[in-house]
Amino acid sequence: MLNILLVEDDEVDVMTVKRAFKKGNITNPLYLAGNGIEALAILRGTLGEPSLIPAERRLILLDLNMPKMNGIEFLHELRADSTIKHIPVVVLTTSNEERDRVQAYDFNVAGYILKPVTFSTFVDLMITLDKYWSHCEMS
């Protein structure tokens, strides 16, 4: 089982991911964070409490354009924290800016994917990601 944290502030995009999971028969648990600050709190746990997400087999799907703490700022914080820096991150964004792509890869993201325009393409993308990460050896 792969524990997926979706870091996304747009409710329509969150619903699209949920619908794509359902349509693609992806049954992995999906956890949600509306920005980088929320995501870090979920991953680290709060006030001595453990993380809400099991520590094993985690994957982060990350949008870049978010309020409070954007995706690049989140990556900076994530990679600086020795307890969670190993979690693979796939950027899932509308940003086709070369600067964003370069910065994301500088933080060792596992992939940088532009959000597809059509729902059927988005479903295919989610199925492909699920198949790939389900076969990866992860700690």
Protein backbone atom coordinates (compact mmCIF):
# COMPACT_ATOMS: atom_id res chain seq x y z
CA MET A 1 0.00 0.00 0.00
CA LEU A 2 1.33 3.42 -0.98
CA ASN A 3 0.47 6.36 1.31
CA ILE A 4 -0.03 9.43 -0.90
CA LEU A 5 -0.03 13.00 0.36
CA LEU A 6 -1.60 15.42 -2.12
CA VAL A 7 -0.44 18.98 -1.45
CA GLU A 8 -2.92 21.09 -3.41
CA ASP A 9 -4.88 24.26 -2.62
CA ASP A 10 -7.36 24.14 -5.52
CA GLU A 11 -10.52 22.24 -4.54
CA VAL A 12 -11.35 21.47 -8.17
CA ASP A 13 -7.93 19.85 -8.63
CA VAL A 14 -8.37 17.89 -5.39
CA MET A 15 -11.73 16.60 -6.64
CA THR A 16 -10.16 15.75 -10.00
CA VAL A 17 -7.48 13.65 -8.31
CA LYS A 18 -10.10 11.87 -6.18
CA ARG A 19 -12.26 11.19 -9.24
CA ALA A 20 -9.23 9.94 -11.19
CA PHE A 21 -8.31 7.59 -8.33
CA LYS A 22 -11.85 6.21 -8.30
CA LYS A 23 -12.06 5.86 -12.09
CA GLY A 24 -8.62 4.23 -12.20
CA ASN A 25 -9.40 1.87 -9.29
CA ILE A 26 -6.52 3.32 -7.27
CA THR A 27 -7.15 2.32 -3.68
CA ASN A 28 -4.09 3.79 -1.99
CA PRO A 29 -4.90 6.08 0.95
CA LEU A 30 -4.95 9.74 -0.12
CA TYR A 31 -4.12 12.38 2.48
CA LEU A 32 -4.71 16.06 1.77
CA ALA A 33 -2.88 19.28 2.63
CA GLY A 34 -3.90 22.70 1.31
CA ASN A 35 -0.40 24.20 1.39
CA GLY A 36 3.20 23.46 2.34
CA ILE A 37 2.76 24.42 5.99
CA GLU A 38 -0.11 21.95 6.43
CA ALA A 39 1.85 19.26 4.59
CA LEU A 40 4.87 19.63 6.86
CA ALA A 41 2.66 19.47 9.95
CA ILE A 42 1.01 16.30 8.66
CA LEU A 43 4.35 14.68 7.85
CA ARG A 44 6.10 15.69 11.07
CA GLY A 45 3.20 15.25 13.45
CA THR A 46 2.38 17.94 15.97
CA LEU A 47 2.96 18.47 19.67
CA GLY A 48 4.65 15.13 20.19
CA GLU A 49 1.96 13.26 18.26
CA PRO A 50 3.08 11.01 15.40
CA SER A 51 2.36 11.80 11.78
CA LEU A 52 -1.14 11.15 10.47
CA ILE A 53 0.43 9.24 7.58
CA PRO A 54 2.16 5.90 8.19
CA ALA A 55 5.94 6.33 8.00
CA GLU A 56 6.46 3.65 5.37
CA ARG A 57 5.82 3.86 1.63
CA ARG A 58 5.02 7.56 1.35
CA LEU A 59 4.72 9.60 -1.84
CA ILE A 60 3.99 13.30 -2.16
CA LEU A 61 2.09 14.79 -5.12
CA LEU A 62 2.93 18.49 -4.98
CA ASP A 63 1.43 21.55 -6.60
CA LEU A 64 3.78 24.53 -6.85
CA ASN A 65 1.42 27.50 -6.85
CA MET A 66 -0.10 27.66 -3.36
CA PRO A 67 -0.67 30.30 -0.68
CA LYS A 68 1.26 30.57 2.62
CA MET A 69 4.07 28.25 1.51
CA ASN A 70 4.45 27.40 -2.15
CA GLY A 71 5.80 24.15 -3.53
CA ILE A 72 9.41 25.28 -3.89
CA GLU A 73 9.46 26.61 -0.33
CA PHE A 74 7.95 23.31 0.83
CA LEU A 75 10.66 21.34 -0.99
CA HIS A 76 13.34 23.47 0.69
CA GLU A 77 11.89 22.69 4.14
CA LEU A 78 11.26 19.02 3.35
CA ARG A 79 14.79 18.34 2.14
CA ALA A 80 16.29 20.17 5.15
CA ASP A 81 14.47 17.89 7.63
CA SER A 82 16.42 14.66 8.19
CA THR A 83 13.32 12.77 9.35
CA ILE A 84 11.29 13.31 6.16
CA LYS A 85 13.78 14.37 3.47
CA HIS A 86 13.82 10.91 1.88
CA ILE A 87 10.14 10.98 0.84
CA PRO A 88 9.80 10.97 -2.95
CA VAL A 89 8.00 13.95 -4.46
CA VAL A 90 6.30 14.22 -7.82
CA VAL A 91 5.43 17.77 -8.83
CA LEU A 92 1.98 17.95 -10.39
CA THR A 93 1.45 21.50 -11.58
CA THR A 94 0.21 23.87 -14.26
CA SER A 95 3.52 25.77 -14.22
CA ASN A 96 5.45 25.26 -17.42
CA GLU A 97 8.10 27.76 -16.30
CA GLU A 98 11.67 26.53 -16.84
CA ARG A 99 12.71 28.24 -13.58
CA ASP A 100 10.17 26.20 -11.59
CA ARG A 101 11.24 22.97 -13.25
CA VAL A 102 14.93 23.61 -12.57
CA GLN A 103 14.29 24.60 -8.94
CA ALA A 104 12.15 21.51 -8.35
CA TYR A 105 14.80 19.18 -9.77
CA ASP A 106 17.42 20.98 -7.66
CA PHE A 107 15.45 19.63 -4.68
CA ASN A 108 15.62 16.09 -6.08
CA VAL A 109 12.01 15.62 -7.12
CA ALA A 110 11.23 12.26 -8.67
CA GLY A 111 9.28 13.88 -11.49
CA TYR A 112 7.78 17.10 -12.82
CA ILE A 113 4.44 16.61 -14.53
CA LEU A 114 2.17 19.22 -16.10
CA LYS A 115 -1.48 18.69 -15.16
CA PRO A 116 -3.27 17.29 -18.20
CA VAL A 117 -6.13 19.28 -19.66
CA THR A 118 -8.54 16.40 -20.25
CA PHE A 119 -9.89 14.18 -17.51
CA SER A 120 -9.23 10.94 -19.40
CA THR A 121 -5.56 11.89 -19.82
CA PHE A 122 -5.42 12.77 -16.12
CA VAL A 123 -6.85 9.34 -15.20
CA ASP A 124 -4.24 7.65 -17.41
CA LEU A 125 -1.52 9.68 -15.71
CA MET A 126 -2.71 8.70 -12.21
CA ILE A 127 -2.88 5.03 -13.22
CA THR A 128 0.64 5.18 -14.63
CA LEU A 129 2.00 6.89 -11.51
CA ASP A 130 0.27 4.33 -9.30
CA LYS A 131 1.67 1.40 -11.26
CA TYR A 132 5.18 2.84 -11.25
CA TRP A 133 5.32 3.71 -7.55
CA SER A 134 3.59 0.48 -6.51
CA HIS A 135 6.52 -1.43 -8.01
CA CYS A 136 9.27 0.76 -6.54
CA GLU A 137 11.23 -0.36 -3.53
CA MET A 138 10.69 2.28 -0.87
CA SER A 139 11.75 2.60 2.73
